[in-house]
Amino acid sequence: MNKSDLIDAMAEHAGITKAAAKKALECMLIEVEGALQKGNRVSLVGFGSWSVTRRAARDGRNPQTGATIKIKAQKRS
C-alpha cells in the first residue's frame, strides 16, 4: 500500500473526501516527524512505533577495493 492507496482507504472508511483524508494524513506525518526531530519516540499501539537512534562513528571497508574507510556518526529512524 502506498500513500495514495492509504488516502483512498481513509476517505472511504471515514466517509470524507480524499482531500480531507490527504490533509489528515499529512498532518499526522508532520507531527510524527516533529516529535522525532525533538528526540521523542512515537508509538501508536496496534499500528507501529518510530524512534531515532544514534550510531557511533566506525571504520568500514569498501567491498570493491577492500580499503578501510571512516563512517561518520549518524542518526537513524
N, C-alpha and C. Protein backbone atom coordinates (compact mmCIF):
# COMPACT_ATOMS: atom_id res chain seq x y z
N MET A 1 0.86 -1.18 0.00
CA MET A 1 0.00 0.00 0.00
C MET A 1 0.89 1.23 0.00
N ASN A 2 0.63 2.15 -0.89
CA ASN A 2 1.38 3.40 -0.90
C ASN A 2 0.53 4.53 -0.31
N LYS A 3 1.09 5.72 -0.30
CA LYS A 3 0.41 6.85 0.32
C LYS A 3 -0.94 7.13 -0.34
N SER A 4 -0.98 7.06 -1.65
CA SER A 4 -2.23 7.31 -2.38
C SER A 4 -3.30 6.28 -2.04
N ASP A 5 -2.89 5.02 -1.96
CA ASP A 5 -3.83 3.96 -1.58
C ASP A 5 -4.36 4.18 -0.17
N LEU A 6 -3.49 4.59 0.73
CA LEU A 6 -3.89 4.84 2.12
C LEU A 6 -4.89 5.99 2.18
N ILE A 7 -4.64 7.04 1.42
CA ILE A 7 -5.56 8.18 1.39
C ILE A 7 -6.93 7.73 0.88
N ASP A 8 -6.94 6.95 -0.18
CA ASP A 8 -8.21 6.45 -0.72
C ASP A 8 -8.96 5.61 0.32
N ALA A 9 -8.25 4.73 1.00
CA ALA A 9 -8.88 3.87 2.01
C ALA A 9 -9.41 4.69 3.19
N MET A 10 -8.62 5.67 3.63
CA MET A 10 -9.06 6.53 4.74
C MET A 10 -10.33 7.28 4.36
N ALA A 11 -10.38 7.81 3.16
CA ALA A 11 -11.55 8.57 2.71
C ALA A 11 -12.79 7.68 2.66
N GLU A 12 -12.61 6.49 2.15
CA GLU A 12 -13.75 5.56 2.03
C GLU A 12 -14.26 5.14 3.40
N HIS A 13 -13.36 4.74 4.30
CA HIS A 13 -13.78 4.23 5.61
C HIS A 13 -14.35 5.33 6.51
N ALA A 14 -13.81 6.55 6.38
CA ALA A 14 -14.28 7.64 7.24
C ALA A 14 -15.44 8.40 6.62
N GLY A 15 -15.73 8.15 5.35
CA GLY A 15 -16.83 8.86 4.69
C GLY A 15 -16.50 10.33 4.48
N ILE A 16 -15.23 10.62 4.17
CA ILE A 16 -14.80 12.00 3.92
C ILE A 16 -14.19 12.08 2.52
N THR A 17 -13.91 13.29 2.10
CA THR A 17 -13.31 13.47 0.77
C THR A 17 -11.85 13.04 0.80
N LYS A 18 -11.34 12.75 -0.39
CA LYS A 18 -9.93 12.38 -0.49
C LYS A 18 -9.03 13.55 -0.07
N ALA A 19 -9.47 14.77 -0.35
CA ALA A 19 -8.69 15.95 0.04
C ALA A 19 -8.59 16.05 1.56
N ALA A 20 -9.68 15.77 2.25
CA ALA A 20 -9.68 15.81 3.71
C ALA A 20 -8.82 14.69 4.28
N ALA A 21 -8.90 13.52 3.67
CA ALA A 21 -8.09 12.39 4.13
C ALA A 21 -6.61 12.67 3.91
N LYS A 22 -6.28 13.27 2.77
CA LYS A 22 -4.88 13.61 2.47
C LYS A 22 -4.35 14.61 3.49
N LYS A 23 -5.15 15.62 3.80
CA LYS A 23 -4.73 16.64 4.76
C LYS A 23 -4.53 16.01 6.14
N ALA A 24 -5.43 15.12 6.55
CA ALA A 24 -5.31 14.46 7.85
C ALA A 24 -4.03 13.61 7.92
N LEU A 25 -3.76 12.86 6.85
CA LEU A 25 -2.56 12.02 6.83
C LEU A 25 -1.30 12.87 6.85
N GLU A 26 -1.27 13.94 6.06
CA GLU A 26 -0.09 14.80 6.03
C GLU A 26 0.13 15.48 7.38
N CYS A 27 -0.93 15.88 8.06
CA CYS A 27 -0.80 16.48 9.39
C CYS A 27 -0.23 15.48 10.38
N MET A 28 -0.68 14.24 10.30
CA MET A 28 -0.17 13.20 11.19
C MET A 28 1.32 12.98 10.94
N LEU A 29 1.72 12.91 9.68
CA LEU A 29 3.12 12.69 9.35
C LEU A 29 4.00 13.86 9.79
N ILE A 30 3.49 15.08 9.68
CA ILE A 30 4.24 16.26 10.13
C ILE A 30 4.46 16.19 11.64
N GLU A 31 3.44 15.79 12.38
CA GLU A 31 3.56 15.69 13.83
C GLU A 31 4.54 14.58 14.24
N VAL A 32 4.50 13.45 13.56
CA VAL A 32 5.44 12.36 13.86
C VAL A 32 6.86 12.83 13.59
N GLU A 33 7.07 13.47 12.44
CA GLU A 33 8.40 13.97 12.10
C GLU A 33 8.90 14.99 13.12
N GLY A 34 8.02 15.89 13.54
CA GLY A 34 8.40 16.89 14.54
C GLY A 34 8.79 16.26 15.86
N ALA A 35 8.05 15.26 16.29
CA ALA A 35 8.37 14.58 17.54
C ALA A 35 9.72 13.87 17.44
N LEU A 36 9.99 13.24 16.30
CA LEU A 36 11.28 12.55 16.11
C LEU A 36 12.44 13.54 16.09
N GLN A 37 12.23 14.69 15.48
CA GLN A 37 13.28 15.71 15.45
C GLN A 37 13.60 16.23 16.84
N LYS A 38 12.62 16.22 17.73
CA LYS A 38 12.83 16.63 19.11
C LYS A 38 13.47 15.53 19.95
N GLY A 39 13.63 14.34 19.37
CA GLY A 39 14.24 13.23 20.08
C GLY A 39 13.25 12.35 20.81
N ASN A 40 11.96 12.56 20.58
CA ASN A 40 10.94 11.76 21.24
C ASN A 40 10.68 10.47 20.47
N ARG A 41 10.06 9.53 21.13
CA ARG A 41 9.65 8.27 20.50
C ARG A 41 8.15 8.37 20.24
N VAL A 42 7.70 7.90 19.09
CA VAL A 42 6.28 7.93 18.75
C VAL A 42 5.78 6.49 18.69
N SER A 43 4.70 6.20 19.39
CA SER A 43 4.17 4.84 19.42
C SER A 43 2.65 4.90 19.27
N LEU A 44 2.14 4.23 18.24
CA LEU A 44 0.70 4.10 18.04
C LEU A 44 0.37 2.63 18.25
N VAL A 45 -0.21 2.32 19.39
CA VAL A 45 -0.48 0.94 19.78
C VAL A 45 -1.31 0.25 18.69
N GLY A 46 -0.87 -0.91 18.28
CA GLY A 46 -1.56 -1.67 17.26
C GLY A 46 -1.21 -1.26 15.84
N PHE A 47 -0.36 -0.24 15.69
CA PHE A 47 0.00 0.22 14.34
C PHE A 47 1.50 0.20 14.12
N GLY A 48 2.24 0.91 14.96
CA GLY A 48 3.70 0.95 14.79
C GLY A 48 4.32 1.95 15.73
N SER A 49 5.64 1.97 15.71
CA SER A 49 6.36 2.94 16.53
C SER A 49 7.59 3.40 15.77
N TRP A 50 8.01 4.61 16.08
CA TRP A 50 9.16 5.22 15.45
C TRP A 50 10.05 5.82 16.52
N SER A 51 11.35 5.76 16.31
CA SER A 51 12.29 6.40 17.21
C SER A 51 13.57 6.67 16.44
N VAL A 52 14.38 7.56 16.97
CA VAL A 52 15.66 7.90 16.36
C VAL A 52 16.76 7.29 17.23
N THR A 53 17.66 6.58 16.60
CA THR A 53 18.80 6.01 17.32
C THR A 53 20.08 6.63 16.79
N ARG A 54 21.09 6.64 17.62
CA ARG A 54 22.38 7.19 17.23
C ARG A 54 23.35 6.05 16.97
N ARG A 55 24.07 6.15 15.87
CA ARG A 55 25.09 5.16 15.54
C ARG A 55 26.45 5.86 15.66
N ALA A 56 27.36 5.25 16.38
CA ALA A 56 28.68 5.83 16.59
C ALA A 56 29.49 5.77 15.29
N ALA A 57 30.49 6.64 15.19
CA ALA A 57 31.42 6.59 14.06
C ALA A 57 32.18 5.26 14.12
N ARG A 58 32.53 4.74 12.95
CA ARG A 58 33.22 3.46 12.93
C ARG A 58 34.02 3.32 11.64
N ASP A 59 34.87 2.32 11.61
CA ASP A 59 35.62 2.00 10.41
C ASP A 59 34.83 1.00 9.60
N GLY A 60 34.83 1.19 8.28
CA GLY A 60 34.17 0.26 7.38
C GLY A 60 35.15 -0.18 6.31
N ARG A 61 34.66 -0.96 5.39
CA ARG A 61 35.53 -1.46 4.34
C ARG A 61 34.81 -1.34 2.99
N ASN A 62 35.51 -0.80 1.99
CA ASN A 62 34.99 -0.71 0.64
C ASN A 62 34.98 -2.13 0.08
N PRO A 63 33.80 -2.66 -0.29
CA PRO A 63 33.74 -4.05 -0.74
C PRO A 63 34.46 -4.30 -2.08
N GLN A 64 34.62 -3.26 -2.90
CA GLN A 64 35.27 -3.44 -4.19
C GLN A 64 36.79 -3.45 -4.08
N THR A 65 37.32 -2.55 -3.22
CA THR A 65 38.78 -2.44 -3.13
C THR A 65 39.35 -3.03 -1.86
N GLY A 66 38.50 -3.19 -0.84
CA GLY A 66 38.99 -3.69 0.44
C GLY A 66 39.62 -2.60 1.29
N ALA A 67 39.62 -1.36 0.80
CA ALA A 67 40.23 -0.25 1.54
C ALA A 67 39.38 0.11 2.75
N THR A 68 40.06 0.50 3.83
CA THR A 68 39.37 0.93 5.05
C THR A 68 38.87 2.35 4.85
N ILE A 69 37.61 2.60 5.26
CA ILE A 69 37.03 3.93 5.18
C ILE A 69 36.45 4.31 6.54
N LYS A 70 36.34 5.60 6.79
CA LYS A 70 35.73 6.11 8.01
C LYS A 70 34.25 6.37 7.74
N ILE A 71 33.38 5.86 8.60
CA ILE A 71 31.95 6.10 8.51
C ILE A 71 31.58 7.03 9.65
N LYS A 72 30.96 8.17 9.29
CA LYS A 72 30.60 9.19 10.29
C LYS A 72 29.50 8.70 11.22
N ALA A 73 29.42 9.32 12.39
CA ALA A 73 28.31 9.07 13.31
C ALA A 73 27.02 9.51 12.63
N GLN A 74 25.92 8.80 12.89
CA GLN A 74 24.65 9.09 12.23
C GLN A 74 23.47 8.96 13.18
N LYS A 75 22.40 9.59 12.80
CA LYS A 75 21.12 9.38 13.47
C LYS A 75 20.24 8.63 12.49
N ARG A 76 19.57 7.58 12.95
CA ARG A 76 18.70 6.77 12.09
C ARG A 76 17.33 6.66 12.73
N SER A 77 16.30 6.65 11.87
CA SER A 77 14.96 6.43 12.39
C SER A 77 14.45 5.08 12.01
